[in-house]
Protein backbone atom coordinates (compact mmCIF):
# COMPACT_ATOMS: atom_id res chain seq x y z
CA MET A 1 8.08 -4.33 -13.39
CA THR A 2 8.59 -7.71 -15.03
CA ILE A 3 5.55 -9.71 -15.46
CA GLU A 4 6.21 -13.41 -16.12
CA ALA A 5 4.64 -15.47 -18.86
CA GLU A 6 0.77 -16.26 -18.32
CA LEU A 7 -1.07 -19.47 -18.62
CA PRO A 8 -4.43 -19.14 -20.56
CA GLY A 9 -7.56 -19.55 -18.66
CA VAL A 10 -9.27 -18.11 -15.27
CA THR A 11 -8.37 -18.15 -11.88
CA VAL A 12 -10.78 -17.28 -9.13
CA VAL A 13 -9.14 -15.75 -5.86
CA LEU A 14 -11.18 -16.28 -2.77
CA PRO A 15 -9.98 -14.25 0.03
CA CYS A 16 -11.37 -15.82 3.26
CA ARG A 17 -11.46 -15.36 7.24
CA ASN A 18 -13.23 -18.04 8.86
CA GLU A 19 -15.52 -19.19 5.80
CA ALA A 20 -15.61 -22.92 6.13
CA GLY A 21 -19.26 -23.04 6.20
CA ALA A 22 -19.88 -21.16 3.35
CA LEU A 23 -16.93 -22.61 1.03
CA PRO A 24 -18.48 -26.01 -0.15
CA GLY A 25 -21.32 -24.52 -1.67
CA VAL A 26 -19.29 -21.77 -3.31
CA LEU A 27 -16.87 -24.42 -4.78
CA ALA A 28 -19.46 -26.48 -5.68
CA ALA A 29 -20.72 -23.86 -7.85
CA MET A 30 -17.25 -22.88 -9.67
CA PRO A 31 -16.99 -23.38 -13.19
CA SER A 32 -15.21 -26.71 -13.54
CA ASP A 33 -12.39 -25.33 -16.05
CA TYR A 34 -11.46 -22.32 -13.53
CA ARG A 35 -8.62 -22.65 -11.10
CA VAL A 36 -9.26 -21.58 -7.62
CA ILE A 37 -6.97 -20.16 -4.88
CA VAL A 38 -8.36 -19.80 -1.44
CA VAL A 39 -6.47 -17.15 0.55
CA ASP A 40 -6.64 -18.12 4.33
CA ASN A 41 -6.52 -14.75 6.13
CA GLY A 42 -6.32 -15.80 9.75
CA SER A 43 -9.21 -18.31 9.89
CA THR A 44 -9.70 -20.46 13.38
CA ASP A 45 -12.58 -22.64 11.91
CA GLY A 46 -10.83 -24.63 9.59
CA THR A 47 -11.38 -22.90 6.20
CA ALA A 48 -8.00 -24.00 4.73
CA ASP A 49 -8.92 -28.01 5.30
CA VAL A 50 -12.47 -27.25 3.91
CA ALA A 51 -10.69 -25.74 0.56
CA HIS A 52 -8.51 -28.27 0.47
CA ALA A 53 -11.37 -31.03 0.42
CA GLY A 54 -13.09 -28.79 -2.37
CA GLY A 55 -10.28 -29.06 -4.49
CA ALA A 56 -8.93 -25.21 -4.29
CA THR A 57 -5.19 -24.63 -3.68
CA VAL A 58 -4.86 -22.89 -0.63
CA ILE A 59 -2.41 -20.17 0.46
CA VAL A 60 -1.54 -18.41 3.90
CA GLU A 61 -1.77 -14.56 4.12
CA SER A 62 -1.04 -13.80 7.81
CA THR A 63 -1.21 -10.03 7.44
CA PRO A 64 -4.81 -9.36 8.19
CA GLY A 65 -7.03 -7.55 5.52
CA TYR A 66 -9.00 -8.12 2.66
CA GLY A 67 -6.42 -6.45 0.01
CA SER A 68 -3.39 -8.04 1.80
CA ALA A 69 -5.53 -11.34 1.09
CA VAL A 70 -6.62 -10.50 -2.59
CA GLN A 71 -3.05 -9.30 -3.31
CA ALA A 72 -1.46 -12.73 -2.05
CA GLY A 73 -3.79 -14.48 -4.38
CA VAL A 74 -3.46 -12.29 -7.49
CA ASP A 75 0.48 -13.07 -6.77
CA ALA A 76 0.08 -16.81 -6.91
CA CYS A 77 -2.41 -16.31 -10.13
CA LYS A 78 -0.61 -17.46 -13.34
CA THR A 79 -3.41 -17.33 -15.53
CA GLU A 80 -4.20 -14.40 -18.11
CA ILE A 81 -7.40 -13.58 -16.46
CA VAL A 82 -7.94 -13.29 -12.65
CA ALA A 83 -11.29 -12.91 -10.85
CA VAL A 84 -12.09 -12.09 -7.21
CA LEU A 85 -14.84 -13.18 -5.35
CA ASP A 86 -16.19 -13.18 -1.70
CA GLY A 87 -16.18 -16.80 -0.04
CA ASP A 88 -19.24 -16.13 1.84
CA GLY A 89 -21.92 -17.59 -0.47
CA SER A 90 -23.41 -14.23 -1.12
CA MET A 91 -22.51 -14.18 -4.89
CA ASP A 92 -22.82 -17.31 -7.47
CA PRO A 93 -19.76 -18.25 -9.23
CA ALA A 94 -21.53 -19.54 -12.16
CA GLU A 95 -22.13 -16.01 -13.19
CA LEU A 96 -18.57 -15.47 -13.59
CA PRO A 97 -18.37 -16.59 -17.36
CA ARG A 98 -20.64 -14.11 -18.27
CA LEU A 99 -18.44 -11.35 -16.66
CA VAL A 100 -15.35 -13.11 -18.39
CA ALA A 101 -17.12 -12.97 -22.06
CA GLU A 102 -17.11 -9.23 -21.67
CA LEU A 103 -13.39 -8.97 -21.18
CA THR A 104 -13.07 -7.95 -24.99
CA GLU A 105 -10.23 -5.66 -26.61
CA GLY A 106 -9.88 -2.63 -24.62
CA VAL A 107 -11.72 -3.83 -21.39
CA HIS A 108 -9.33 -4.34 -18.62
CA LEU A 109 -12.03 -4.61 -15.68
CA VAL A 110 -15.45 -6.29 -15.63
CA ALA A 111 -17.38 -5.36 -12.59
CA GLY A 112 -20.32 -7.25 -10.96
CA ARG A 113 -22.97 -4.34 -10.18
CA ARG A 114 -24.79 -6.10 -6.90
CA ARG A 115 -28.87 -6.29 -7.39
CA PRO A 116 -29.56 -7.52 -4.06
CA ALA A 117 -32.10 -10.11 -2.80
CA PRO A 118 -33.98 -8.99 0.25
CA GLY A 119 -32.02 -9.10 3.32
CA ALA A 120 -28.49 -9.09 1.45
CA TRP A 121 -27.63 -5.83 1.74
CA PRO A 122 -28.04 -3.42 4.77
CA TRP A 123 -29.30 0.05 4.11
CA HIS A 124 -26.13 1.61 5.76
CA ALA A 125 -23.49 -0.26 3.62
CA ARG A 126 -25.61 0.47 0.40
CA LEU A 127 -25.70 4.11 1.09
CA GLY A 128 -22.08 4.04 1.84
CA ASN A 129 -21.47 2.33 -1.46
CA TRP A 130 -23.54 4.85 -3.44
CA VAL A 131 -21.60 7.80 -1.92
CA LEU A 132 -18.30 6.50 -2.78
CA ALA A 133 -19.23 5.14 -6.31
CA GLN A 134 -20.66 8.93 -6.89
CA TRP A 135 -17.41 10.23 -5.72
CA LEU A 136 -15.70 8.08 -8.15
CA ARG A 137 -17.73 9.09 -11.08
CA ARG A 138 -17.24 12.91 -10.14
CA ARG A 139 -13.45 13.03 -9.34
CA TYR A 140 -12.19 10.45 -11.51
CA GLY A 141 -14.79 9.85 -14.20
CA VAL A 142 -15.00 6.04 -13.25
CA PRO A 143 -18.10 4.77 -14.99
CA VAL A 144 -19.56 2.65 -12.00
CA SER A 145 -22.42 2.56 -9.57
CA ASP A 146 -21.06 -0.18 -7.25
CA LEU A 147 -17.43 -0.81 -5.78
CA ALA A 148 -18.06 -4.32 -6.72
CA ALA A 149 -17.42 -7.45 -4.79
CA MET A 150 -17.23 -9.78 -7.84
CA ARG A 151 -14.78 -8.63 -10.55
CA VAL A 152 -12.89 -10.06 -13.56
CA LEU A 153 -9.51 -8.44 -14.42
CA ARG A 154 -6.66 -8.90 -17.16
CA ARG A 155 -4.06 -9.96 -14.69
CA GLN A 156 -0.95 -8.02 -16.42
CA ALA A 157 -2.99 -4.96 -16.10
CA LEU A 158 -3.78 -5.58 -12.48
CA VAL A 159 -0.16 -6.51 -11.59
CA ALA A 160 1.06 -3.30 -13.24
CA LEU A 161 -0.91 -1.37 -10.57
CA GLY A 162 1.22 -2.32 -8.17
CA PRO A 163 0.24 -2.92 -4.46
CA LEU A 164 -3.04 -1.36 -3.35
CA HIS A 165 -4.72 -0.93 0.07
CA PRO A 166 -4.24 -3.65 2.48
CA ARG A 167 -7.64 -3.68 4.02
CA SER A 168 -11.22 -2.84 3.25
CA GLY A 169 -10.32 0.13 1.02
CA TYR A 170 -8.99 -2.34 -1.78
CA PRO A 171 -11.77 -2.09 -3.97
CA LEU A 172 -11.90 1.67 -4.05
CA ALA A 173 -8.31 1.83 -4.52
CA LEU A 174 -8.47 -0.47 -7.30
CA LEU A 175 -11.01 1.84 -9.28
CA VAL A 176 -8.90 4.77 -8.32
CA GLY A 177 -5.67 3.20 -9.88
CA ALA A 178 -8.01 1.76 -13.00
CA ALA A 179 -8.94 5.52 -13.53
CA HIS A 180 -5.01 6.76 -13.28
CA ALA A 181 -4.14 3.93 -15.68
CA GLY A 182 -6.90 4.70 -18.43
CA TRP A 183 -8.43 0.94 -17.83
CA GLY A 184 -11.51 0.30 -20.08
CA ILE A 185 -14.38 -0.61 -17.20
CA ARG A 186 -17.57 -2.42 -17.64
CA GLU A 187 -20.51 -3.30 -15.53
CA LEU A 188 -22.90 -6.36 -15.44
CA ASP A 189 -25.85 -6.87 -13.10
CA VAL A 190 -25.06 -9.82 -10.74
CA VAL A 191 -27.44 -11.47 -8.10
CA TYR A 192 -26.25 -10.47 -4.55
CA ARG A 193 -27.71 -12.83 -1.75
CA PRO A 194 -27.65 -13.06 1.98
CA ARG A 195 -24.47 -14.82 3.05
CA THR A 196 -24.89 -18.56 3.59
CA HIS A 197 -22.81 -18.76 6.99
CA GLY A 198 -21.73 -16.23 9.66
CA VAL A 199 -21.65 -12.53 9.84
CA SER A 200 -20.15 -10.23 7.41
CA LYS A 201 -16.87 -8.44 8.91
CA VAL A 202 -17.70 -5.22 7.62
CA SER A 203 -21.62 -4.62 7.43
CA GLY A 204 -22.05 -7.10 10.09
CA SER A 205 -21.16 -4.81 12.90
CA VAL A 206 -20.78 -1.14 13.90
CA ILE A 207 -17.16 -1.79 14.23
CA GLY A 208 -16.57 -3.32 11.13
CA THR A 209 -18.47 -0.42 9.34
CA VAL A 210 -16.57 2.23 11.20
CA ARG A 211 -13.26 0.25 10.17
CA ALA A 212 -14.24 0.07 6.63
CA ALA A 213 -15.25 3.77 6.35
CA ARG A 214 -12.03 4.71 7.64
CA ASP A 215 -10.16 2.58 5.24
CA PHE A 216 -12.24 3.99 2.35
CA TRP A 217 -11.49 7.49 3.40
CA SER A 218 -7.77 6.91 3.51
CA VAL A 219 -7.77 6.30 -0.31
CA ARG A 220 -6.95 9.27 -2.62
């Protein structure tokens, strides 16, 4: 696989579907020297317009799914470091530089280990995350306790993994791929807050949770 030359710096990929209400706060908190790519994944609420107004580069990914949106953003990224962050306001982009600083020699991925504020993480979602993290540790020896909705990676290493899961299974598929590739992985605590607008596509409904569980267990 040919990987083109990279630019110095960090690009933050925000996969978004109907996050117009949350995006202004997320973009305002972004470190000023970071590039931002918002991937509009089928929004109907003007997410792309809000992202443009906030100074982000916007690309459209018509294939639905979290993984498809992340992959589109990574494909558009040209910097040596790529960060991925939810666009719902649940995590603070101002914490990203602390994670980037830990991306030292031999470390390919720095993952944000969520420390939830009250009401931020439904019990069923937290339990599912714990079960999957334990499975990763036992089966693959991946030293994580959270599938990580905030992550910072070396772009070349990520691109070399190839396409991963197109939907909610992406974070798990990433960690399985990282294990196979022998990545160095580090976790740091990050604050996890209730989303600022709307309802989670995964934990906000029984259907969303069931679909995500199906996606997770399709990863091997």
